[in-house]
């Protein structure tokens, strides 16, 4: 019985949904994983004509990049080092810090496995 409970707890934490969120004031209503990849790799700063500022979440970073961007931390480091125009990766903040900046700037887009302030524009299983 304890094994079943432990397995269910582990599976819920290991395979938790990632919520992509933005400010309630942002005009963006939905987003695709492909659009997210372009924004987080700094290939564009717009989704469907709406300017966004991507912020990485310290707690969900590895899971997000694995599921959405399809890159490991090592591959990401190489990507940023080899960036032709020397673009910088998104800032990496804690969930609490993201909640604060999202309230101040409607352009912020971020992700979390827990609830942030704002509206969900995509959920990744």
N, C-alpha and C. Protein backbone atom coordinates (compact mmCIF):
# COMPACT_ATOMS: atom_id res chain seq x y z
N UNK A 1 0.82 -1.19 0.00
CA UNK A 1 0.00 0.00 0.00
C UNK A 1 0.87 1.27 0.00
N UNK A 2 1.92 1.28 0.84
CA UNK A 2 2.80 2.45 0.88
C UNK A 2 3.50 2.65 -0.46
N UNK A 3 3.81 1.57 -1.16
CA UNK A 3 4.45 1.66 -2.46
C UNK A 3 3.54 2.37 -3.46
N UNK A 4 2.28 2.05 -3.46
CA UNK A 4 1.33 2.68 -4.37
C UNK A 4 1.21 4.17 -4.09
N UNK A 5 1.12 4.53 -2.82
CA UNK A 5 1.02 5.93 -2.45
C UNK A 5 2.29 6.67 -2.86
N UNK A 6 3.44 6.09 -2.60
CA UNK A 6 4.71 6.70 -2.96
C UNK A 6 4.82 6.88 -4.48
N UNK A 7 4.43 5.87 -5.23
CA UNK A 7 4.48 5.96 -6.68
C UNK A 7 3.55 7.04 -7.22
N UNK A 8 2.38 7.17 -6.63
CA UNK A 8 1.46 8.21 -7.11
C UNK A 8 1.98 9.60 -6.78
N UNK A 9 2.62 9.76 -5.65
CA UNK A 9 3.21 11.06 -5.29
C UNK A 9 4.37 11.38 -6.23
N UNK A 10 5.22 10.40 -6.47
CA UNK A 10 6.35 10.61 -7.36
C UNK A 10 5.90 10.93 -8.77
N UNK A 11 4.92 10.22 -9.28
CA UNK A 11 4.47 10.47 -10.64
C UNK A 11 3.82 11.84 -10.77
N UNK A 12 3.13 12.29 -9.74
CA UNK A 12 2.50 13.61 -9.82
C UNK A 12 3.53 14.72 -9.78
N UNK A 13 4.65 14.51 -9.10
CA UNK A 13 5.67 15.56 -9.06
C UNK A 13 6.60 15.46 -10.27
N UNK A 14 6.89 14.26 -10.73
CA UNK A 14 7.78 14.10 -11.87
C UNK A 14 7.10 14.47 -13.18
N UNK A 15 5.81 14.25 -13.26
CA UNK A 15 5.10 14.47 -14.50
C UNK A 15 4.01 15.53 -14.34
N UNK A 16 4.32 16.60 -13.65
CA UNK A 16 3.33 17.63 -13.42
C UNK A 16 3.18 18.50 -14.67
N UNK A 17 2.00 19.07 -14.80
CA UNK A 17 1.72 19.95 -15.92
C UNK A 17 2.52 21.24 -15.79
N UNK A 18 2.95 21.75 -16.92
CA UNK A 18 3.62 23.04 -16.94
C UNK A 18 2.62 24.03 -17.51
N UNK A 19 2.34 25.07 -16.75
CA UNK A 19 1.41 26.11 -17.18
C UNK A 19 2.20 27.29 -17.74
N UNK A 20 1.87 27.68 -18.96
CA UNK A 20 2.47 28.86 -19.56
C UNK A 20 1.51 30.00 -19.26
N UNK A 21 2.04 31.04 -18.62
CA UNK A 21 1.17 32.12 -18.15
C UNK A 21 1.70 33.48 -18.55
N UNK A 22 0.76 34.41 -18.63
CA UNK A 22 1.09 35.81 -18.87
C UNK A 22 0.13 36.67 -18.05
N UNK A 23 0.37 37.94 -18.05
CA UNK A 23 -0.47 38.87 -17.29
C UNK A 23 -1.90 38.86 -17.82
N UNK A 24 -2.84 39.11 -16.93
CA UNK A 24 -4.25 39.26 -17.34
C UNK A 24 -4.39 40.42 -18.32
N UNK A 25 -3.49 41.39 -18.26
CA UNK A 25 -3.55 42.57 -19.14
C UNK A 25 -2.98 42.30 -20.53
N UNK A 26 -2.27 41.19 -20.71
CA UNK A 26 -1.68 40.86 -21.99
C UNK A 26 -2.78 40.39 -22.95
N UNK A 27 -2.70 40.80 -24.20
CA UNK A 27 -3.72 40.45 -25.21
C UNK A 27 -3.62 39.01 -25.68
N UNK A 28 -2.53 38.34 -25.39
CA UNK A 28 -2.31 36.97 -25.83
C UNK A 28 -3.33 36.03 -25.16
N UNK A 29 -3.97 35.18 -25.95
CA UNK A 29 -4.96 34.25 -25.39
C UNK A 29 -4.53 32.80 -25.49
N UNK A 30 -3.64 32.50 -26.42
CA UNK A 30 -3.11 31.15 -26.53
C UNK A 30 -1.75 31.19 -27.23
N UNK A 31 -1.04 30.10 -27.12
CA UNK A 31 0.30 30.02 -27.68
C UNK A 31 0.59 28.56 -28.01
N UNK A 32 1.43 28.32 -28.99
CA UNK A 32 1.82 26.95 -29.33
C UNK A 32 3.22 26.68 -28.77
N UNK A 33 3.57 25.42 -28.60
CA UNK A 33 4.93 25.10 -28.16
C UNK A 33 5.99 25.64 -29.12
N UNK A 34 5.70 25.64 -30.41
CA UNK A 34 6.65 26.14 -31.41
C UNK A 34 6.89 27.64 -31.22
N UNK A 35 5.81 28.39 -30.95
CA UNK A 35 5.96 29.83 -30.71
C UNK A 35 6.78 30.09 -29.45
N UNK A 36 6.53 29.28 -28.42
CA UNK A 36 7.31 29.41 -27.18
C UNK A 36 8.78 29.17 -27.42
N UNK A 37 9.09 28.13 -28.19
CA UNK A 37 10.49 27.81 -28.47
C UNK A 37 11.19 28.99 -29.14
N UNK A 38 10.53 29.62 -30.10
CA UNK A 38 11.13 30.76 -30.80
C UNK A 38 11.37 31.93 -29.84
N UNK A 39 10.44 32.16 -28.93
CA UNK A 39 10.59 33.27 -27.97
C UNK A 39 11.69 32.96 -26.96
N UNK A 40 11.69 31.74 -26.42
CA UNK A 40 12.68 31.41 -25.39
C UNK A 40 14.09 31.24 -25.95
N UNK A 41 14.21 30.97 -27.26
CA UNK A 41 15.53 30.91 -27.88
C UNK A 41 15.90 32.26 -28.50
N UNK A 42 15.09 33.29 -28.24
CA UNK A 42 15.33 34.67 -28.65
C UNK A 42 15.37 34.84 -30.18
N UNK A 43 14.60 34.01 -30.88
CA UNK A 43 14.50 34.17 -32.33
C UNK A 43 13.47 35.24 -32.68
N UNK A 44 12.57 35.53 -31.75
CA UNK A 44 11.57 36.59 -31.90
C UNK A 44 11.17 37.07 -30.51
N UNK A 45 10.53 38.23 -30.46
CA UNK A 45 10.00 38.70 -29.18
C UNK A 45 8.48 38.92 -29.27
N UNK A 46 7.87 38.32 -30.31
CA UNK A 46 6.43 38.45 -30.50
C UNK A 46 5.78 37.10 -30.72
N UNK A 47 4.57 37.00 -30.20
CA UNK A 47 3.71 35.84 -30.44
C UNK A 47 2.38 36.39 -30.94
N UNK A 48 2.01 36.00 -32.15
CA UNK A 48 0.76 36.47 -32.76
C UNK A 48 0.67 38.00 -32.75
N UNK A 49 1.81 38.66 -32.98
CA UNK A 49 1.86 40.12 -33.03
C UNK A 49 1.94 40.81 -31.68
N UNK A 50 1.92 40.05 -30.59
CA UNK A 50 1.98 40.61 -29.24
C UNK A 50 3.41 40.48 -28.71
N UNK A 51 3.98 41.60 -28.28
CA UNK A 51 5.34 41.58 -27.74
C UNK A 51 5.34 40.92 -26.36
N UNK A 52 6.29 40.00 -26.16
CA UNK A 52 6.41 39.30 -24.89
C UNK A 52 7.87 39.32 -24.42
N UNK A 53 8.04 39.20 -23.11
CA UNK A 53 9.36 39.10 -22.50
C UNK A 53 9.40 37.78 -21.74
N UNK A 54 10.18 36.82 -22.23
CA UNK A 54 10.23 35.51 -21.56
C UNK A 54 11.06 35.54 -20.28
N UNK A 55 10.55 34.87 -19.27
CA UNK A 55 11.27 34.71 -17.99
C UNK A 55 11.32 33.22 -17.68
N UNK A 56 12.50 32.72 -17.37
CA UNK A 56 12.66 31.32 -16.96
C UNK A 56 12.33 31.17 -15.48
N UNK A 57 11.80 30.02 -15.14
CA UNK A 57 11.45 29.69 -13.76
C UNK A 57 12.52 28.75 -13.21
N UNK A 58 13.19 29.17 -12.14
CA UNK A 58 14.26 28.35 -11.54
C UNK A 58 13.78 26.95 -11.17
N UNK A 59 12.54 26.85 -10.69
CA UNK A 59 12.04 25.56 -10.19
C UNK A 59 11.64 24.60 -11.32
N UNK A 60 11.22 25.12 -12.47
CA UNK A 60 10.69 24.27 -13.54
C UNK A 60 11.55 24.30 -14.80
N UNK A 61 12.70 24.91 -14.70
CA UNK A 61 13.57 25.16 -15.85
C UNK A 61 13.88 23.91 -16.67
N UNK A 62 14.42 22.88 -16.04
CA UNK A 62 14.84 21.68 -16.77
C UNK A 62 13.66 20.98 -17.44
N UNK A 63 12.56 20.87 -16.72
CA UNK A 63 11.38 20.20 -17.26
C UNK A 63 10.82 20.98 -18.46
N UNK A 64 10.74 22.30 -18.36
CA UNK A 64 10.22 23.13 -19.45
C UNK A 64 11.08 22.96 -20.70
N UNK A 65 12.39 23.11 -20.56
CA UNK A 65 13.26 23.04 -21.73
C UNK A 65 13.30 21.64 -22.32
N UNK A 66 13.16 20.64 -21.50
CA UNK A 66 13.10 19.27 -22.01
C UNK A 66 11.83 19.02 -22.80
N UNK A 67 10.69 19.45 -22.27
CA UNK A 67 9.40 19.19 -22.91
C UNK A 67 9.09 20.13 -24.08
N UNK A 68 9.43 21.40 -23.94
CA UNK A 68 9.02 22.39 -24.94
C UNK A 68 10.12 22.68 -25.95
N UNK A 69 11.31 22.98 -25.46
CA UNK A 69 12.41 23.39 -26.33
C UNK A 69 13.16 22.17 -26.88
N UNK A 70 13.00 21.05 -26.19
CA UNK A 70 13.64 19.78 -26.60
C UNK A 70 15.17 19.87 -26.54
N UNK A 71 15.66 20.54 -25.50
CA UNK A 71 17.11 20.65 -25.30
C UNK A 71 17.46 20.39 -23.84
N UNK A 72 18.63 19.82 -23.64
CA UNK A 72 19.16 19.59 -22.30
C UNK A 72 19.88 20.86 -21.85
N UNK A 73 20.16 20.99 -20.55
CA UNK A 73 20.94 22.16 -20.09
C UNK A 73 22.28 22.31 -20.82
N UNK A 74 22.93 21.20 -21.11
CA UNK A 74 24.21 21.24 -21.81
C UNK A 74 24.03 21.78 -23.24
N UNK A 75 22.98 21.33 -23.92
CA UNK A 75 22.70 21.82 -25.27
C UNK A 75 22.36 23.31 -25.26
N UNK A 76 21.65 23.75 -24.23
CA UNK A 76 21.31 25.17 -24.11
C UNK A 76 22.54 26.04 -23.92
N UNK A 77 23.44 25.59 -23.06
CA UNK A 77 24.69 26.35 -22.86
C UNK A 77 25.42 26.50 -24.18
N UNK A 78 25.50 25.42 -24.93
CA UNK A 78 26.18 25.48 -26.23
C UNK A 78 25.44 26.42 -27.19
N UNK A 79 24.13 26.39 -27.16
CA UNK A 79 23.33 27.27 -28.02
C UNK A 79 23.65 28.73 -27.72
N UNK A 80 23.67 29.11 -26.44
CA UNK A 80 23.90 30.51 -26.10
C UNK A 80 25.35 30.91 -26.36
N UNK A 81 26.29 30.02 -26.14
CA UNK A 81 27.71 30.33 -26.40
C UNK A 81 27.92 30.55 -27.90
N UNK A 82 27.26 29.74 -28.72
CA UNK A 82 27.44 29.82 -30.17
C UNK A 82 26.49 30.79 -30.86
N UNK A 83 25.71 31.51 -30.10
CA UNK A 83 24.76 32.47 -30.67
C UNK A 83 25.52 33.52 -31.48
N UNK A 84 25.17 33.62 -32.75
CA UNK A 84 25.87 34.51 -33.67
C UNK A 84 25.78 35.97 -33.23
N UNK A 85 24.59 36.39 -32.83
CA UNK A 85 24.41 37.79 -32.46
C UNK A 85 24.53 38.02 -30.96
N UNK A 86 25.06 37.04 -30.25
CA UNK A 86 25.35 37.14 -28.81
C UNK A 86 24.13 37.51 -27.97
N UNK A 87 22.98 36.97 -28.34
CA UNK A 87 21.78 37.18 -27.53
C UNK A 87 21.95 36.47 -26.20
N UNK A 88 21.29 37.01 -25.21
CA UNK A 88 21.37 36.45 -23.85
C UNK A 88 20.14 35.60 -23.58
N UNK A 89 20.28 34.55 -22.76
CA UNK A 89 19.11 33.75 -22.38
C UNK A 89 18.16 34.57 -21.50
N UNK A 90 16.92 34.14 -21.41
CA UNK A 90 15.97 34.84 -20.53
C UNK A 90 16.45 34.84 -19.08
N UNK A 91 16.03 35.86 -18.32
CA UNK A 91 16.33 35.89 -16.89
C UNK A 91 15.71 34.67 -16.24
N UNK A 92 16.37 34.17 -15.21
CA UNK A 92 15.85 33.02 -14.46
C UNK A 92 15.49 33.48 -13.06
N UNK A 93 14.19 33.42 -12.72
CA UNK A 93 13.70 33.88 -11.43
C UNK A 93 12.94 32.77 -10.71
N UNK A 94 12.74 32.96 -9.43
CA UNK A 94 11.92 32.02 -8.65
C UNK A 94 10.45 32.28 -8.96
N UNK A 95 9.59 31.34 -8.58
CA UNK A 95 8.15 31.51 -8.80
C UNK A 95 7.65 32.77 -8.12
N UNK A 96 8.09 33.03 -6.89
CA UNK A 96 7.66 34.24 -6.16
C UNK A 96 8.10 35.51 -6.89
N UNK A 97 9.31 35.52 -7.41
CA UNK A 97 9.81 36.69 -8.14
C UNK A 97 9.03 36.89 -9.44
N UNK A 98 8.70 35.80 -10.11
CA UNK A 98 7.93 35.88 -11.36
C UNK A 98 6.56 36.48 -11.09
N UNK A 99 5.92 36.05 -10.00
CA UNK A 99 4.60 36.61 -9.65
C UNK A 99 4.68 38.13 -9.51
N UNK A 100 5.74 38.63 -8.88
CA UNK A 100 5.90 40.07 -8.68
C UNK A 100 6.11 40.81 -10.00
N UNK A 101 7.02 40.32 -10.84
CA UNK A 101 7.30 41.03 -12.09
C UNK A 101 6.13 40.93 -13.06
N UNK A 102 5.38 39.83 -13.01
CA UNK A 102 4.24 39.67 -13.90
C UNK A 102 3.14 40.69 -13.59
N UNK A 103 3.02 41.06 -12.31
CA UNK A 103 2.05 42.07 -11.92
C UNK A 103 2.44 43.46 -12.42
N UNK A 104 3.75 43.70 -12.53
CA UNK A 104 4.25 45.02 -12.93
C UNK A 104 4.33 45.19 -14.45
N UNK A 105 4.59 44.10 -15.18
CA UNK A 105 4.82 44.21 -16.63
C UNK A 105 3.94 43.21 -17.38
N UNK A 106 2.94 43.69 -18.13
CA UNK A 106 2.03 42.79 -18.84
C UNK A 106 2.68 42.03 -20.00
N UNK A 107 3.90 42.38 -20.37
CA UNK A 107 4.59 41.68 -21.46
C UNK A 107 5.24 40.37 -21.01
N UNK A 108 5.36 40.17 -19.72
CA UNK A 108 6.03 38.97 -19.19
C UNK A 108 5.26 37.72 -19.56
N UNK A 109 6.00 36.70 -20.01
CA UNK A 109 5.45 35.37 -20.21
C UNK A 109 6.40 34.42 -19.48
N UNK A 110 5.82 33.47 -18.75
CA UNK A 110 6.64 32.52 -18.00
C UNK A 110 5.89 31.21 -17.84
N UNK A 111 6.46 30.31 -17.09
CA UNK A 111 5.90 28.98 -16.91
C UNK A 111 6.12 28.53 -15.48
N UNK A 112 5.30 27.58 -15.07
CA UNK A 112 5.44 27.05 -13.72
C UNK A 112 4.63 25.76 -13.61
N UNK A 113 5.03 24.93 -12.68
CA UNK A 113 4.22 23.75 -12.37
C UNK A 113 3.22 24.09 -11.29
N UNK A 114 3.35 25.28 -10.69
CA UNK A 114 2.37 25.76 -9.72
C UNK A 114 1.69 27.00 -10.30
N UNK A 115 0.68 27.47 -9.63
CA UNK A 115 -0.11 28.60 -10.13
C UNK A 115 0.64 29.92 -9.96
N UNK A 116 0.69 30.68 -11.05
CA UNK A 116 1.23 32.03 -11.01
C UNK A 116 0.04 32.99 -11.08
N UNK A 117 0.27 34.25 -10.81
CA UNK A 117 -0.77 35.26 -11.04
C UNK A 117 -0.85 35.48 -12.54
N UNK A 118 -2.03 35.51 -13.09
CA UNK A 118 -2.16 35.75 -14.51
C UNK A 118 -3.06 34.73 -15.16
N UNK A 119 -3.05 34.72 -16.48
CA UNK A 119 -3.89 33.78 -17.21
C UNK A 119 -3.04 32.71 -17.88
N UNK A 120 -3.58 31.51 -17.91
CA UNK A 120 -2.91 30.38 -18.55
C UNK A 120 -3.18 30.45 -20.04
N UNK A 121 -2.12 30.42 -20.86
CA UNK A 121 -2.29 30.44 -22.31
C UNK A 121 -1.96 29.10 -22.94
N UNK A 122 -1.38 28.19 -22.15
CA UNK A 122 -1.10 26.84 -22.62
C UNK A 122 -0.73 25.98 -21.43
N UNK A 123 -1.18 24.73 -21.45
CA UNK A 123 -0.78 23.75 -20.44
C UNK A 123 -0.09 22.60 -21.16
N UNK A 124 1.09 22.25 -20.71
CA UNK A 124 1.87 21.17 -21.31
C UNK A 124 1.89 20.00 -20.36
N UNK A 125 1.48 18.87 -20.83
CA UNK A 125 1.41 17.65 -20.02
C UNK A 125 2.77 17.00 -19.92
